[in-house]
C-alpha atoms as a PDB file:
ATOM      1  CA  UNK A   1     -11.886  26.122  42.355  1.00  0.00           C
ATOM      2  CA  UNK A   2      -8.395  24.671  41.840  1.00  0.00           C
ATOM      3  CA  UNK A   3      -6.751  26.634  44.656  1.00  0.00           C
ATOM      4  CA  UNK A   4      -9.439  25.623  47.146  1.00  0.00           C
ATOM      5  CA  UNK A   5      -8.875  21.989  46.154  1.00  0.00           C
ATOM      6  CA  UNK A   6      -5.129  22.369  46.727  1.00  0.00           C
ATOM      7  CA  UNK A   7      -5.738  23.917  50.166  1.00  0.00           C
ATOM      8  CA  UNK A   8      -8.211  21.154  51.033  1.00  0.00           C
ATOM      9  CA  UNK A   9      -5.741  18.412  50.171  1.00  0.00           C
ATOM     10  CA  UNK A  10      -2.917  20.153  51.987  1.00  0.00           C
ATOM     11  CA  UNK A  11      -5.016  20.652  55.141  1.00  0.00           C
ATOM     12  CA  UNK A  12      -6.260  17.055  55.173  1.00  0.00           C
ATOM     13  CA  UNK A  13      -2.783  15.624  54.692  1.00  0.00           C
ATOM     14  CA  UNK A  14      -1.425  17.958  57.365  1.00  0.00           C
ATOM     15  CA  UNK A  15      -4.143  16.695  59.729  1.00  0.00           C
ATOM     16  CA  UNK A  16      -2.850  13.155  59.156  1.00  0.00           C
ATOM     17  CA  UNK A  17       0.683  14.320  59.924  1.00  0.00           C
ATOM     18  CA  UNK A  18      -0.539  16.084  63.094  1.00  0.00           C
ATOM     19  CA  UNK A  19      -2.549  12.921  63.958  1.00  0.00           C
ATOM     20  CA  UNK A  20      -5.845  14.776  63.931  1.00  0.00           C
ATOM     21  CA  UNK A  21      -7.373  12.509  61.286  1.00  0.00           C
ATOM     22  CA  UNK A  22      -6.999   8.920  60.175  1.00  0.00           C
ATOM     23  CA  UNK A  23      -6.097   7.789  56.679  1.00  0.00           C
ATOM     24  CA  UNK A  24      -9.486   6.156  56.084  1.00  0.00           C
ATOM     25  CA  UNK A  25     -11.249   9.409  57.057  1.00  0.00           C
ATOM     26  CA  UNK A  26      -9.284  11.400  54.474  1.00  0.00           C
ATOM     27  CA  UNK A  27      -9.906   8.691  51.872  1.00  0.00           C
ATOM     28  CA  UNK A  28     -13.674   9.041  52.412  1.00  0.00           C
ATOM     29  CA  UNK A  29     -13.495  12.814  52.034  1.00  0.00           C
ATOM     30  CA  UNK A  30     -11.307  12.799  48.887  1.00  0.00           C
ATOM     31  CA  UNK A  31     -13.052   9.723  47.414  1.00  0.00           C
ATOM     32  CA  UNK A  32      -9.723   7.923  47.099  1.00  0.00           C
ATOM     33  CA  UNK A  33      -8.517   4.539  48.245  1.00  0.00           C
ATOM     34  CA  UNK A  34      -6.432   4.301  51.403  1.00  0.00           C
ATOM     35  CA  UNK A  35      -3.427   3.179  49.350  1.00  0.00           C
ATOM     36  CA  UNK A  36      -3.702   6.290  47.177  1.00  0.00           C
ATOM     37  CA  UNK A  37      -3.927   8.548  50.233  1.00  0.00           C
ATOM     38  CA  UNK A  38      -0.845   6.849  51.741  1.00  0.00           C
ATOM     39  CA  UNK A  39       1.120   7.381  48.520  1.00  0.00           C
ATOM     40  CA  UNK A  40      -0.067  11.001  48.374  1.00  0.00           C
ATOM     41  CA  UNK A  41       0.948  11.502  52.008  1.00  0.00           C
ATOM     42  CA  UNK A  42       4.452  10.153  51.379  1.00  0.00           C
ATOM     43  CA  UNK A  43       4.936  12.472  48.427  1.00  0.00           C
ATOM     44  CA  UNK A  44       3.458  15.365  50.403  1.00  0.00           C
ATOM     45  CA  UNK A  45       6.125  14.941  53.065  1.00  0.00           C
ATOM     46  CA  UNK A  46       8.878  15.072  50.412  1.00  0.00           C
ATOM     47  CA  UNK A  47       7.683  18.024  48.311  1.00  0.00           C
ATOM     48  CA  UNK A  48       4.115  19.063  48.939  1.00  0.00           C
ATOM     49  CA  UNK A  49       3.920  21.776  46.246  1.00  0.00           C
ATOM     50  CA  UNK A  50       4.902  19.380  43.470  1.00  0.00           C
ATOM     51  CA  UNK A  51       2.440  16.613  44.325  1.00  0.00           C
ATOM     52  CA  UNK A  52      -0.571  18.506  45.673  1.00  0.00           C
ATOM     53  CA  UNK A  53      -1.128  20.608  42.527  1.00  0.00           C
ATOM     54  CA  UNK A  54      -3.404  18.652  40.130  1.00  0.00           C
ATOM     55  CA  UNK A  55      -1.788  17.683  36.824  1.00  0.00           C
ATOM     56  CA  UNK A  56      -3.125  16.475  33.532  1.00  0.00           C
ATOM     57  CA  UNK A  57      -2.210  12.859  32.724  1.00  0.00           C
ATOM     58  CA  UNK A  58      -0.922  13.750  29.211  1.00  0.00           C
ATOM     59  CA  UNK A  59       1.429  14.602  27.693  1.00  0.00           C
ATOM     60  CA  UNK A  60       4.060  12.797  29.678  1.00  0.00           C
ATOM     61  CA  UNK A  61       7.428  14.371  30.393  1.00  0.00           C
ATOM     62  CA  UNK A  62       9.245  11.163  29.431  1.00  0.00           C
ATOM     63  CA  UNK A  63       9.467   9.018  26.304  1.00  0.00           C
ATOM     64  CA  UNK A  64       8.720   5.362  25.809  1.00  0.00           C
ATOM     65  CA  UNK A  65      11.655   3.222  26.855  1.00  0.00           C
ATOM     66  CA  UNK A  66      11.454   0.956  23.776  1.00  0.00           C
ATOM     67  CA  UNK A  67      10.690   3.587  21.125  1.00  0.00           C
ATOM     68  CA  UNK A  68      12.167   2.779  17.712  1.00  0.00           C
ATOM     69  CA  UNK A  69      15.000   5.075  16.700  1.00  0.00           C
ATOM     70  CA  UNK A  70      14.172   7.784  14.212  1.00  0.00           C
ATOM     71  CA  UNK A  71      16.681   6.671  11.564  1.00  0.00           C
ATOM     72  CA  UNK A  72      15.256   3.136  11.696  1.00  0.00           C
ATOM     73  CA  UNK A  73      11.714   4.451  11.240  1.00  0.00           C
ATOM     74  CA  UNK A  74      12.881   6.464   8.219  1.00  0.00           C
ATOM     75  CA  UNK A  75      14.475   3.331   6.768  1.00  0.00           C
ATOM     76  CA  UNK A  76      11.259   1.351   7.312  1.00  0.00           C
ATOM     77  CA  UNK A  77       9.298   4.064   5.509  1.00  0.00           C
ATOM     78  CA  UNK A  78      11.796   4.066   2.638  1.00  0.00           C
ATOM     79  CA  UNK A  79      11.510   0.294   2.176  1.00  0.00           C
ATOM     80  CA  UNK A  80       7.710   0.529   2.382  1.00  0.00           C
ATOM     81  CA  UNK A  81       7.620   3.182  -0.341  1.00  0.00           C
ATOM     82  CA  UNK A  82       9.999   1.228  -2.585  1.00  0.00           C
ATOM     83  CA  UNK A  83       7.955  -1.963  -2.084  1.00  0.00           C
ATOM     84  CA  UNK A  84       4.420  -0.653  -1.844  1.00  0.00           C
ATOM     85  CA  UNK A  85       2.849  -4.032  -2.605  1.00  0.00           C
ATOM     86  CA  UNK A  86       4.704  -5.913   0.161  1.00  0.00           C
ATOM     87  CA  UNK A  87       3.450  -6.626   3.666  1.00  0.00           C
ATOM     88  CA  UNK A  88       5.065  -5.585   7.009  1.00  0.00           C
ATOM     89  CA  UNK A  89       6.652  -9.036   7.351  1.00  0.00           C
ATOM     90  CA  UNK A  90       8.648  -8.359   4.168  1.00  0.00           C
ATOM     91  CA  UNK A  91       9.855  -5.005   5.554  1.00  0.00           C
ATOM     92  CA  UNK A  92      10.924  -6.581   8.855  1.00  0.00           C
ATOM     93  CA  UNK A  93      12.826  -9.276   6.941  1.00  0.00           C
ATOM     94  CA  UNK A  94      14.575  -6.631   4.837  1.00  0.00           C
ATOM     95  CA  UNK A  95      15.616  -4.716   7.983  1.00  0.00           C
ATOM     96  CA  UNK A  96      16.968  -7.953   9.429  1.00  0.00           C
ATOM     97  CA  UNK A  97      18.881  -8.764   6.228  1.00  0.00           C
ATOM     98  CA  UNK A  98      20.359  -5.276   5.723  1.00  0.00           C
ATOM     99  CA  UNK A  99      21.059  -4.067   9.285  1.00  0.00           C
ATOM    100  CA  UNK A 100      20.906  -7.334  11.253  1.00  0.00           C
ATOM    101  CA  UNK A 101      18.204  -5.808  13.477  1.00  0.00           C
ATOM    102  CA  UNK A 102      15.211  -7.930  14.431  1.00  0.00           C
ATOM    103  CA  UNK A 103      11.982  -5.950  14.448  1.00  0.00           C
ATOM    104  CA  UNK A 104       8.496  -7.390  14.756  1.00  0.00           C
ATOM    105  CA  UNK A 105       6.037  -6.981  11.891  1.00  0.00           C
ATOM    106  CA  UNK A 106       3.476  -5.459  14.286  1.00  0.00           C
ATOM    107  CA  UNK A 107       5.996  -2.724  15.124  1.00  0.00           C
ATOM    108  CA  UNK A 108       6.419  -2.027  11.410  1.00  0.00           C
ATOM    109  CA  UNK A 109       2.631  -1.883  11.057  1.00  0.00           C
ATOM    110  CA  UNK A 110       2.313   0.666  13.906  1.00  0.00           C
ATOM    111  CA  UNK A 111       5.113   2.835  12.515  1.00  0.00           C
ATOM    112  CA  UNK A 112       3.520   2.948   9.055  1.00  0.00           C
ATOM    113  CA  UNK A 113       0.135   3.736  10.585  1.00  0.00           C
ATOM    114  CA  UNK A 114       1.454   6.427  12.955  1.00  0.00           C
ATOM    115  CA  UNK A 115       3.438   8.130  10.189  1.00  0.00           C
ATOM    116  CA  UNK A 116       0.390   7.836   7.872  1.00  0.00           C
ATOM    117  CA  UNK A 117       2.196   5.863   5.181  1.00  0.00           C
ATOM    118  CA  UNK A 118      -0.293   2.964   5.240  1.00  0.00           C
ATOM    119  CA  UNK A 119      -3.248   1.627   7.235  1.00  0.00           C
ATOM    120  CA  UNK A 120      -4.527   5.020   8.436  1.00  0.00           C
ATOM    121  CA  UNK A 121      -8.216   5.836   8.760  1.00  0.00           C
ATOM    122  CA  UNK A 122      -9.041   6.509   5.100  1.00  0.00           C
ATOM    123  CA  UNK A 123      -6.434   4.106   3.695  1.00  0.00           C
ATOM    124  CA  UNK A 124      -7.931   1.460   1.403  1.00  0.00           C
ATOM    125  CA  UNK A 125      -5.963  -1.544   0.169  1.00  0.00           C
ATOM    126  CA  UNK A 126      -8.031  -4.317  -1.339  1.00  0.00           C
ATOM    127  CA  UNK A 127      -6.686  -7.848  -1.590  1.00  0.00           C
ATOM    128  CA  UNK A 128      -7.953 -10.705  -3.672  1.00  0.00           C
ATOM    129  CA  UNK A 129      -9.448 -13.734  -2.018  1.00  0.00           C
ATOM    130  CA  UNK A 130      -6.857 -16.439  -1.390  1.00  0.00           C
ATOM    131  CA  UNK A 131      -7.265 -19.993  -2.593  1.00  0.00           C
ATOM    132  CA  UNK A 132      -5.015 -22.305  -0.600  1.00  0.00           C
ATOM    133  CA  UNK A 133      -4.145 -25.636  -2.127  1.00  0.00           C
ATOM    134  CA  UNK A 134      -0.802 -27.168  -3.006  1.00  0.00           C
ATOM    135  CA  UNK A 135       0.717 -30.397  -4.312  1.00  0.00           C
ATOM    136  CA  UNK A 136       2.391 -32.585  -1.732  1.00  0.00           C
ATOM    137  CA  UNK A 137       5.566 -33.448  -3.722  1.00  0.00           C
ATOM    138  CA  UNK A 138       7.857 -30.969  -5.547  1.00  0.00           C
ATOM    139  CA  UNK A 139       7.962 -31.038  -9.347  1.00  0.00           C
ATOM    140  CA  UNK A 140       4.851 -33.200  -9.528  1.00  0.00           C
ATOM    141  CA  UNK A 141       3.101 -30.469 -11.502  1.00  0.00           C
ATOM    142  CA  UNK A 142       4.540 -27.278 -13.016  1.00  0.00           C
ATOM    143  CA  UNK A 143       2.295 -24.404 -14.017  1.00  0.00           C
ATOM    144  CA  UNK A 144       3.392 -22.973 -17.360  1.00  0.00           C
ATOM    145  CA  UNK A 145       2.249 -19.633 -18.749  1.00  0.00           C
ATOM    146  CA  UNK A 146       3.328 -16.662 -20.880  1.00  0.00           C
ATOM    147  CA  UNK A 147       3.363 -13.043 -19.727  1.00  0.00           C
ATOM    148  CA  UNK A 148       4.004  -9.769 -21.535  1.00  0.00           C
ATOM    149  CA  UNK A 149       5.892  -6.840 -19.912  1.00  0.00           C
ATOM    150  CA  UNK A 150       4.143  -3.497 -19.651  1.00  0.00           C
ATOM    151  CA  UNK A 151       5.734  -1.568 -22.510  1.00  0.00           C
ATOM    152  CA  UNK A 152       6.833  -4.566 -24.610  1.00  0.00           C
ATOM    153  CA  UNK A 153       3.307  -5.689 -25.405  1.00  0.00           C
ATOM    154  CA  UNK A 154       3.401  -8.560 -27.933  1.00  0.00           C
ATOM    155  CA  UNK A 155       7.032  -7.715 -28.856  1.00  0.00           C
ATOM    156  CA  UNK A 156       8.665  -9.698 -26.069  1.00  0.00           C
ATOM    157  CA  UNK A 157       7.149 -12.462 -23.966  1.00  0.00           C
ATOM    158  CA  UNK A 158       8.230 -14.143 -20.735  1.00  0.00           C
ATOM    159  CA  UNK A 159       7.808 -17.898 -20.422  1.00  0.00           C
ATOM    160  CA  UNK A 160       7.494 -18.993 -16.811  1.00  0.00           C
ATOM    161  CA  UNK A 161       7.260 -22.392 -15.149  1.00  0.00           C
ATOM    162  CA  UNK A 162       6.614 -22.538 -11.400  1.00  0.00           C
ATOM    163  CA  UNK A 163       6.583 -25.609  -9.210  1.00  0.00           C
ATOM    164  CA  UNK A 164       3.228 -26.052  -7.495  1.00  0.00           C
ATOM    165  CA  UNK A 165       4.699 -27.389  -4.234  1.00  0.00           C
ATOM    166  CA  UNK A 166       7.865 -25.352  -3.677  1.00  0.00           C
ATOM    167  CA  UNK A 167       7.202 -22.198  -5.794  1.00  0.00           C
ATOM    168  CA  UNK A 168      10.550 -22.707  -7.527  1.00  0.00           C
ATOM    169  CA  UNK A 169      10.567 -20.583 -10.708  1.00  0.00           C
ATOM    170  CA  UNK A 170      12.285 -20.864 -14.084  1.00  0.00           C
ATOM    171  CA  UNK A 171      11.774 -17.947 -16.509  1.00  0.00           C
ATOM    172  CA  UNK A 172      13.150 -16.815 -19.843  1.00  0.00           C
ATOM    173  CA  UNK A 173      12.367 -14.101 -22.374  1.00  0.00           C
ATOM    174  CA  UNK A 174      11.675 -14.864 -26.036  1.00  0.00           C
ATOM    175  CA  UNK A 175      10.863 -12.645 -28.991  1.00  0.00           C
ATOM    176  CA  UNK A 176       7.665 -14.569 -29.809  1.00  0.00           C
ATOM    177  CA  UNK A 177       5.225 -16.979 -28.190  1.00  0.00           C
ATOM    178  CA  UNK A 178       4.982 -19.759 -30.746  1.00  0.00           C
ATOM    179  CA  UNK A 179       5.118 -23.524 -30.417  1.00  0.00           C
ATOM    180  CA  UNK A 180       8.856 -23.495 -31.179  1.00  0.00           C
ATOM    181  CA  UNK A 181       9.563 -21.092 -28.305  1.00  0.00           C
ATOM    182  CA  UNK A 182       7.395 -23.187 -26.004  1.00  0.00           C
ATOM    183  CA  UNK A 183       9.279 -26.371 -26.891  1.00  0.00           C
ATOM    184  CA  UNK A 184      12.651 -24.647 -26.370  1.00  0.00           C
ATOM    185  CA  UNK A 185      11.580 -23.439 -22.954  1.00  0.00           C
ATOM    186  CA  UNK A 186      10.162 -26.833 -21.913  1.00  0.00           C
ATOM    187  CA  UNK A 187      13.436 -28.539 -22.862  1.00  0.00           C
ATOM    188  CA  UNK A 188      15.346 -26.022 -20.761  1.00  0.00           C
ATOM    189  CA  UNK A 189      13.003 -26.573 -17.793  1.00  0.00           C
ATOM    190  CA  UNK A 190      13.403 -30.355 -18.022  1.00  0.00           C
ATOM    191  CA  UNK A 191      17.169 -29.936 -18.143  1.00  0.00           C
ATOM    192  CA  UNK A 192      17.257 -27.650 -15.068  1.00  0.00           C
ATOM    193  CA  UNK A 193      14.777 -29.631 -12.951  1.00  0.00           C
ATOM    194  CA  UNK A 194      16.191 -31.631 -10.054  1.00  0.00           C
ATOM    195  CA  UNK A 195      13.329 -34.151 -10.026  1.00  0.00           C
ATOM    196  CA  UNK A 196      11.315 -36.031 -12.604  1.00  0.00           C
ATOM    197  CA  UNK A 197       8.446 -33.818 -13.749  1.00  0.00           C
ATOM    198  CA  UNK A 198       5.054 -35.480 -13.645  1.00  0.00           C
ATOM    199  CA  UNK A 199       2.904 -32.923 -15.491  1.00  0.00           C
ATOM    200  CA  UNK A 200       2.668 -29.419 -16.939  1.00  0.00           C
ATOM    201  CA  UNK A 201      -0.469 -27.307 -16.490  1.00  0.00           C
ATOM    202  CA  UNK A 202      -1.191 -24.689 -19.155  1.00  0.00           C
ATOM    203  CA  UNK A 203      -3.983 -22.640 -20.674  1.00  0.00           C
ATOM    204  CA  UNK A 204      -5.528 -23.392 -24.040  1.00  0.00           C
ATOM    205  CA  UNK A 205      -3.603 -20.831 -26.083  1.00  0.00           C
ATOM    206  CA  UNK A 206      -2.091 -21.585 -29.462  1.00  0.00           C
ATOM    207  CA  UNK A 207       1.468 -21.794 -28.091  1.00  0.00           C
ATOM    208  CA  UNK A 208       0.388 -24.862 -26.049  1.00  0.00           C
ATOM    209  CA  UNK A 209      -1.137 -26.759 -28.965  1.00  0.00           C
ATOM    210  CA  UNK A 210      -1.003 -30.377 -30.076  1.00  0.00           C
ATOM    211  CA  UNK A 211       2.685 -30.360 -30.999  1.00  0.00           C
ATOM    212  CA  UNK A 212       3.599 -29.454 -27.415  1.00  0.00           C
ATOM    213  CA  UNK A 213       1.308 -32.170 -26.044  1.00  0.00           C
ATOM    214  CA  UNK A 214       2.904 -34.766 -28.337  1.00  0.00           C
ATOM    215  CA  UNK A 215       6.399 -33.815 -27.221  1.00  0.00           C
ATOM    216  CA  UNK A 216       5.428 -34.021 -23.530  1.00  0.00           C
ATOM    217  CA  UNK A 217       3.791 -37.371 -24.142  1.00  0.00           C
ATOM    218  CA  UNK A 218       7.022 -38.646 -25.722  1.00  0.00           C
ATOM    219  CA  UNK A 219       8.835 -37.569 -22.533  1.00  0.00           C
ATOM    220  CA  UNK A 220       6.258 -39.392 -20.366  1.00  0.00           C
ATOM    221  CA  UNK A 221       4.929 -36.098 -19.009  1.00  0.00           C
ATOM    222  CA  UNK A 222       1.228 -35.290 -18.777  1.00  0.00           C
ATOM    223  CA  UNK A 223      -0.151 -32.110 -20.313  1.00  0.00           C
ATOM    224  CA  UNK A 224      -3.051 -30.800 -18.200  1.00  0.00           C
ATOM    225  CA  UNK A 225      -4.998 -28.008 -19.869  1.00  0.00           C
ATOM    226  CA  UNK A 226      -7.235 -25.657 -17.907  1.00  0.00           C
ATOM    227  CA  UNK A 227     -10.883 -25.275 -18.879  1.00  0.00           C
ATOM    228  CA  UNK A 228     -11.676 -22.110 -20.802  1.00  0.00           C
ATOM    229  CA  UNK A 229     -11.865 -18.878 -18.793  1.00  0.00           C
ATOM    230  CA  UNK A 230     -10.623 -20.440 -15.548  1.00  0.00           C
ATOM    231  CA  UNK A 231      -7.349 -18.715 -14.543  1.00  0.00           C
ATOM    232  CA  UNK A 232      -7.807 -19.922 -10.960  1.00  0.00           C
ATOM    233  CA  UNK A 233      -6.409 -23.325 -11.975  1.00  0.00           C
ATOM    234  CA  UNK A 234      -2.935 -21.888 -12.480  1.00  0.00           C
ATOM    235  CA  UNK A 235      -3.166 -18.960 -10.089  1.00  0.00           C
ATOM    236  CA  UNK A 236       0.352 -19.489  -8.709  1.00  0.00           C
ATOM    237  CA  UNK A 237       2.051 -18.570 -11.972  1.00  0.00           C
ATOM    238  CA  UNK A 238      -0.398 -15.693 -12.470  1.00  0.00           C
ATOM    239  CA  UNK A 239       0.439 -14.369  -9.009  1.00  0.00           C
ATOM    240  CA  UNK A 240       4.145 -14.716  -9.747  1.00  0.00           C
ATOM    241  CA  UNK A 241       3.714 -12.656 -12.928  1.00  0.00           C
ATOM    242  CA  UNK A 242       2.123  -9.912 -10.890  1.00  0.00           C
ATOM    243  CA  UNK A 243       4.992  -9.936  -8.382  1.00  0.00           C
ATOM    244  CA  UNK A 244       7.575 -10.003 -11.178  1.00  0.00           C
ATOM    245  CA  UNK A 245       6.019  -7.025 -12.985  1.00  0.00           C
ATOM    246  CA  UNK A 246       5.745  -4.986  -9.782  1.00  0.00           C
ATOM    247  CA  UNK A 247       9.304  -5.673  -8.626  1.00  0.00           C
ATOM    248  CA  UNK A 248      11.337  -6.431 -11.763  1.00  0.00           C
ATOM    249  CA  UNK A 249       9.770  -5.492 -15.110  1.00  0.00           C
ATOM    250  CA  UNK A 250       8.854  -1.996 -14.002  1.00  0.00           C
ATOM    251  CA  UNK A 251      12.556  -1.101 -13.764  1.00  0.00           C
ATOM    252  CA  UNK A 252      13.510  -2.338 -17.234  1.00  0.00           C
ATOM    253  CA  UNK A 253      14.689   0.206 -19.750  1.00  0.00           C
ATOM    254  CA  UNK A 254      12.717   0.589 -22.939  1.00  0.00           C
ATOM    255  CA  UNK A 255      15.631   0.037 -25.351  1.00  0.00           C
ATOM    256  CA  UNK A 256      17.432  -2.766 -23.514  1.00  0.00           C
ATOM    257  CA  UNK A 257      18.498  -5.764 -25.549  1.00  0.00           C
ATOM    258  CA  UNK A 258      16.975  -9.180 -24.976  1.00  0.00           C
ATOM    259  CA  UNK A 259      20.289 -10.419 -23.530  1.00  0.00           C
ATOM    260  CA  UNK A 260      20.301  -7.642 -20.907  1.00  0.00           C
ATOM    261  CA  UNK A 261      16.669  -8.306 -20.074  1.00  0.00           C
ATOM    262  CA  UNK A 262      17.327 -12.024 -19.678  1.00  0.00           C
ATOM    263  CA  UNK A 263      20.255 -11.195 -17.391  1.00  0.00           C
ATOM    264  CA  UNK A 264      18.055  -8.951 -15.217  1.00  0.00           C
ATOM    265  CA  UNK A 265      15.348 -11.606 -15.186  1.00  0.00           C
ATOM    266  CA  UNK A 266      17.883 -14.236 -14.102  1.00  0.00           C
ATOM    267  CA  UNK A 267      18.987 -12.032 -11.198  1.00  0.00           C
ATOM    268  CA  UNK A 268      15.364 -11.576 -10.160  1.00  0.00           C
ATOM    269  CA  UNK A 269      14.522 -15.297 -10.337  1.00  0.00           C
ATOM    270  CA  UNK A 270      17.655 -16.131  -8.316  1.00  0.00           C
ATOM    271  CA  UNK A 271      16.536 -13.654  -5.686  1.00  0.00           C
ATOM    272  CA  UNK A 272      13.000 -15.063  -5.776  1.00  0.00           C
ATOM    273  CA  UNK A 273      14.159 -18.685  -5.425  1.00  0.00           C
ATOM    274  CA  UNK A 274      16.801 -18.103  -2.763  1.00  0.00           C
ATOM    275  CA  UNK A 275      15.565 -15.202  -0.606  1.00  0.00           C
ATOM    276  CA  UNK A 276      11.843 -14.600  -1.189  1.00  0.00           C
ATOM    277  CA  UNK A 277       9.931 -15.977   1.814  1.00  0.00           C
ATOM    278  CA  UNK A 278       6.444 -17.363   1.231  1.00  0.00           C
ATOM    279  CA  UNK A 279       3.518 -17.492   3.627  1.00  0.00           C
ATOM    280  CA  UNK A 280       1.257 -19.789   1.593  1.00  0.00           C
ATOM    281  CA  UNK A 281       0.181 -23.263   2.605  1.00  0.00           C
ATOM    282  CA  UNK A 282       3.047 -25.604   3.633  1.00  0.00           C
ATOM    283  CA  UNK A 283       5.702 -22.980   2.880  1.00  0.00           C
ATOM    284  CA  UNK A 284       6.182 -21.840   6.525  1.00  0.00           C
ATOM    285  CA  UNK A 285       8.004 -18.604   5.612  1.00  0.00           C
ATOM    286  CA  UNK A 286      10.625 -20.501   3.600  1.00  0.00           C
ATOM    287  CA  UNK A 287      12.155 -19.624   0.258  1.00  0.00           C
ATOM    288  CA  UNK A 288      11.656 -22.105  -2.625  1.00  0.00           C
ATOM    289  CA  UNK A 289      15.211 -23.431  -2.353  1.00  0.00           C
ATOM    290  CA  UNK A 290      14.891 -23.939   1.405  1.00  0.00           C
ATOM    291  CA  UNK A 291      11.530 -25.649   0.866  1.00  0.00           C
ATOM    292  CA  UNK A 292      13.131 -28.104  -1.576  1.00  0.00           C
ATOM    293  CA  UNK A 293      16.031 -28.685   0.803  1.00  0.00           C
ATOM    294  CA  UNK A 294      13.672 -29.325   3.702  1.00  0.00           C
ATOM    295  CA  UNK A 295      11.603 -31.736   1.622  1.00  0.00           C
ATOM    296  CA  UNK A 296      14.754 -33.655   0.647  1.00  0.00           C
ATOM    297  CA  UNK A 297      15.813 -33.905   4.311  1.00  0.00           C
ATOM    298  CA  UNK A 298      12.388 -35.122   5.409  1.00  0.00           C
ATOM    299  CA  UNK A 299      12.067 -37.646   2.547  1.00  0.00           C
ATOM    300  CA  UNK A 300      15.586 -38.905   1.703  1.00  0.00           C
ATOM    301  CA  UNK A 301      14.367 -42.196   0.197  1.00  0.00           C
ATOM    302  CA  UNK A 302      11.422 -40.818  -1.775  1.00  0.00           C
ATOM    303  CA  UNK A 303      11.751 -41.103  -5.550  1.00  0.00           C
ATOM    304  CA  UNK A 304       9.559 -38.654  -7.429  1.00  0.00           C
ATOM    305  CA  UNK A 305       8.026 -40.284 -10.482  1.00  0.00           C
END
């Protein structure tokens, strides 16, 4: 039993001390390496009761030296719950922006898994298949589409134009989605753009009809229409609408005026263009404004036509 094992170890180690046995002989009897017997002998000389009694390997009596502080874990969980559609890299960036503390995304992943917030055994989070392609020059093609907020169905509509290369977004809310609203929004986009726009890509809805195509043709801008039932051609603006609804539209009040909603939307688009980091092709974790700035630095003499 356990006490016989303790006596056996003590007697064998005492024989080594009394020079009755060699270290290799004791190692053969205990089925241990000679290094292990030497370490055990050294500890036996210091305090034999403490080191001869067998101990279970777990739990340890000490904590991990680099364990994340409890308040920081609670803050990570709070950000994860407030942004349940964002990845660990977004949470680590938020911690860095708010508290100026650098924490790896893998650490965030382990904390969420250990605290059973996400990624545990029965956790299921499906993601759509990614299609990675991008234009090589900013403002060469803008994807234009109309979205409807959750509880303002067909009463208010959001016109959005997103640059295919840099993900720079321009959005505005209108009370209807007619040709007149589309032309007003296109004029505003052309006025705010920093480069010459080559083309607009839209669906085949009635708000993007022949009158819009004629106006774009007069401005020397192509109007590329997607084939019917193919939303994958302008998936970037569709994905932006999903992000906008999950992070902006869901907090809008039901009885807010269109001016207040446009103000909130402007704040969101400014945040999206200046701070939102992107992991898609050629973005390299940059925000849209930083991507445009980097492109301008790398191509100072390039004229976008």
